[in-house]
């Protein structure tokens, strides 16, 4: 992560690409390729730095594309590293 960031704002994001695009058809649809063996490597949830910037996550409950659980899962991963407050 670029150390010049002062804050990270995640809005309705997909933070775990491997688990959100589990089969070749969805990978091809979203990424243009079926061979996306590096999804775990590039997923935000697997690249949280040891000293992350202040983070504000937003996700609507009516989202039909990405589950709000995705944001909650990322929030839990952040909380393991540093104090996270829910508002």
C-alpha atoms as a PDB file:
ATOM      1  CA  UNK A   1       0.000   0.000   0.000  1.00  0.00           C
ATOM      2  CA  UNK A   2       1.189   3.488  -0.810  1.00  0.00           C
ATOM      3  CA  UNK A   3       2.368   5.043   2.471  1.00  0.00           C
ATOM      4  CA  UNK A   4       1.221   8.518   1.396  1.00  0.00           C
ATOM      5  CA  UNK A   5      -2.443   7.578   1.950  1.00  0.00           C
ATOM      6  CA  UNK A   6      -3.961   9.302   4.987  1.00  0.00           C
ATOM      7  CA  UNK A   7      -7.359   7.583   4.799  1.00  0.00           C
ATOM      8  CA  UNK A   8      -8.935   4.655   2.970  1.00  0.00           C
ATOM      9  CA  UNK A   9     -12.626   4.849   2.100  1.00  0.00           C
ATOM     10  CA  UNK A  10     -14.172   1.618   0.912  1.00  0.00           C
ATOM     11  CA  UNK A  11     -17.595   1.907  -0.686  1.00  0.00           C
ATOM     12  CA  UNK A  12     -19.556  -1.229  -1.605  1.00  0.00           C
ATOM     13  CA  UNK A  13     -16.292  -2.927  -2.429  1.00  0.00           C
ATOM     14  CA  UNK A  14     -15.194  -6.401  -3.275  1.00  0.00           C
ATOM     15  CA  UNK A  15     -12.309  -6.973  -0.894  1.00  0.00           C
ATOM     16  CA  UNK A  16     -11.931 -10.738  -1.399  1.00  0.00           C
ATOM     17  CA  UNK A  17     -11.833 -11.398  -5.136  1.00  0.00           C
ATOM     18  CA  UNK A  18     -11.247 -15.153  -4.943  1.00  0.00           C
ATOM     19  CA  UNK A  19     -14.368 -15.856  -2.877  1.00  0.00           C
ATOM     20  CA  UNK A  20     -16.607 -13.445  -4.793  1.00  0.00           C
ATOM     21  CA  UNK A  21     -15.661 -14.796  -8.206  1.00  0.00           C
ATOM     22  CA  UNK A  22     -15.302 -18.509  -7.481  1.00  0.00           C
ATOM     23  CA  UNK A  23     -15.809 -19.990 -10.930  1.00  0.00           C
ATOM     24  CA  UNK A  24     -14.306 -19.481 -14.364  1.00  0.00           C
ATOM     25  CA  UNK A  25     -17.470 -18.026 -15.899  1.00  0.00           C
ATOM     26  CA  UNK A  26     -17.692 -15.157 -13.407  1.00  0.00           C
ATOM     27  CA  UNK A  27     -13.957 -14.532 -13.643  1.00  0.00           C
ATOM     28  CA  UNK A  28     -14.186 -14.258 -17.403  1.00  0.00           C
ATOM     29  CA  UNK A  29     -17.222 -11.956 -17.174  1.00  0.00           C
ATOM     30  CA  UNK A  30     -15.621  -9.521 -14.728  1.00  0.00           C
ATOM     31  CA  UNK A  31     -11.935  -9.776 -15.602  1.00  0.00           C
ATOM     32  CA  UNK A  32     -11.935 -10.867 -19.257  1.00  0.00           C
ATOM     33  CA  UNK A  33     -10.019 -14.035 -18.476  1.00  0.00           C
ATOM     34  CA  UNK A  34     -10.737 -17.407 -16.934  1.00  0.00           C
ATOM     35  CA  UNK A  35      -7.165 -17.758 -15.718  1.00  0.00           C
ATOM     36  CA  UNK A  36      -7.114 -15.507 -12.688  1.00  0.00           C
ATOM     37  CA  UNK A  37      -5.000 -17.646 -10.390  1.00  0.00           C
ATOM     38  CA  UNK A  38      -3.659 -14.576  -8.618  1.00  0.00           C
ATOM     39  CA  UNK A  39      -6.998 -13.301  -7.232  1.00  0.00           C
ATOM     40  CA  UNK A  40      -5.973 -14.150  -3.658  1.00  0.00           C
ATOM     41  CA  UNK A  41      -2.683 -12.338  -4.146  1.00  0.00           C
ATOM     42  CA  UNK A  42      -4.318  -9.101  -5.360  1.00  0.00           C
ATOM     43  CA  UNK A  43      -7.326  -9.091  -3.017  1.00  0.00           C
ATOM     44  CA  UNK A  44      -7.418  -6.197  -0.565  1.00  0.00           C
ATOM     45  CA  UNK A  45      -8.251  -8.518   2.324  1.00  0.00           C
ATOM     46  CA  UNK A  46      -4.883 -10.243   1.835  1.00  0.00           C
ATOM     47  CA  UNK A  47      -2.913  -7.009   1.527  1.00  0.00           C
ATOM     48  CA  UNK A  48      -3.702  -5.135   4.711  1.00  0.00           C
ATOM     49  CA  UNK A  49      -0.507  -3.438   5.904  1.00  0.00           C
ATOM     50  CA  UNK A  50       0.601  -3.736   9.524  1.00  0.00           C
ATOM     51  CA  UNK A  51      -0.037  -0.027  10.010  1.00  0.00           C
ATOM     52  CA  UNK A  52      -3.028   0.799   7.779  1.00  0.00           C
ATOM     53  CA  UNK A  53      -4.376   4.321   7.317  1.00  0.00           C
ATOM     54  CA  UNK A  54      -7.612   5.418   8.958  1.00  0.00           C
ATOM     55  CA  UNK A  55     -10.358   3.464   7.225  1.00  0.00           C
ATOM     56  CA  UNK A  56     -14.023   4.234   6.604  1.00  0.00           C
ATOM     57  CA  UNK A  57     -16.127   1.436   5.120  1.00  0.00           C
ATOM     58  CA  UNK A  58     -19.574   2.068   3.627  1.00  0.00           C
ATOM     59  CA  UNK A  59     -21.960  -0.567   2.290  1.00  0.00           C
ATOM     60  CA  UNK A  60     -25.703  -0.362   1.709  1.00  0.00           C
ATOM     61  CA  UNK A  61     -27.980  -3.160   2.872  1.00  0.00           C
ATOM     62  CA  UNK A  62     -29.967  -3.173  -0.405  1.00  0.00           C
ATOM     63  CA  UNK A  63     -26.948  -3.982  -2.606  1.00  0.00           C
ATOM     64  CA  UNK A  64     -27.858  -6.974  -4.798  1.00  0.00           C
ATOM     65  CA  UNK A  65     -24.446  -7.389  -6.445  1.00  0.00           C
ATOM     66  CA  UNK A  66     -21.974  -7.485  -3.557  1.00  0.00           C
ATOM     67  CA  UNK A  67     -23.122  -8.764  -0.170  1.00  0.00           C
ATOM     68  CA  UNK A  68     -22.816  -6.424   2.825  1.00  0.00           C
ATOM     69  CA  UNK A  69     -21.048  -9.369   4.436  1.00  0.00           C
ATOM     70  CA  UNK A  70     -18.083  -8.580   2.185  1.00  0.00           C
ATOM     71  CA  UNK A  71     -17.623  -5.237   3.924  1.00  0.00           C
ATOM     72  CA  UNK A  72     -18.131  -6.815   7.351  1.00  0.00           C
ATOM     73  CA  UNK A  73     -15.540  -9.491   6.596  1.00  0.00           C
ATOM     74  CA  UNK A  74     -13.019  -6.842   5.512  1.00  0.00           C
ATOM     75  CA  UNK A  75     -13.815  -4.818   8.632  1.00  0.00           C
ATOM     76  CA  UNK A  76     -13.101  -7.852  10.824  1.00  0.00           C
ATOM     77  CA  UNK A  77      -9.777  -8.389   9.044  1.00  0.00           C
ATOM     78  CA  UNK A  78      -8.870  -4.734   9.681  1.00  0.00           C
ATOM     79  CA  UNK A  79      -9.936  -5.023  13.316  1.00  0.00           C
ATOM     80  CA  UNK A  80      -7.441  -7.850  13.856  1.00  0.00           C
ATOM     81  CA  UNK A  81      -4.665  -5.405  12.972  1.00  0.00           C
ATOM     82  CA  UNK A  82      -5.839  -2.229  14.641  1.00  0.00           C
ATOM     83  CA  UNK A  83      -8.783  -0.773  16.541  1.00  0.00           C
ATOM     84  CA  UNK A  84     -11.888  -0.416  14.390  1.00  0.00           C
ATOM     85  CA  UNK A  85     -14.955   1.522  15.439  1.00  0.00           C
ATOM     86  CA  UNK A  86     -18.376   0.961  13.941  1.00  0.00           C
ATOM     87  CA  UNK A  87     -20.687   3.956  13.543  1.00  0.00           C
END
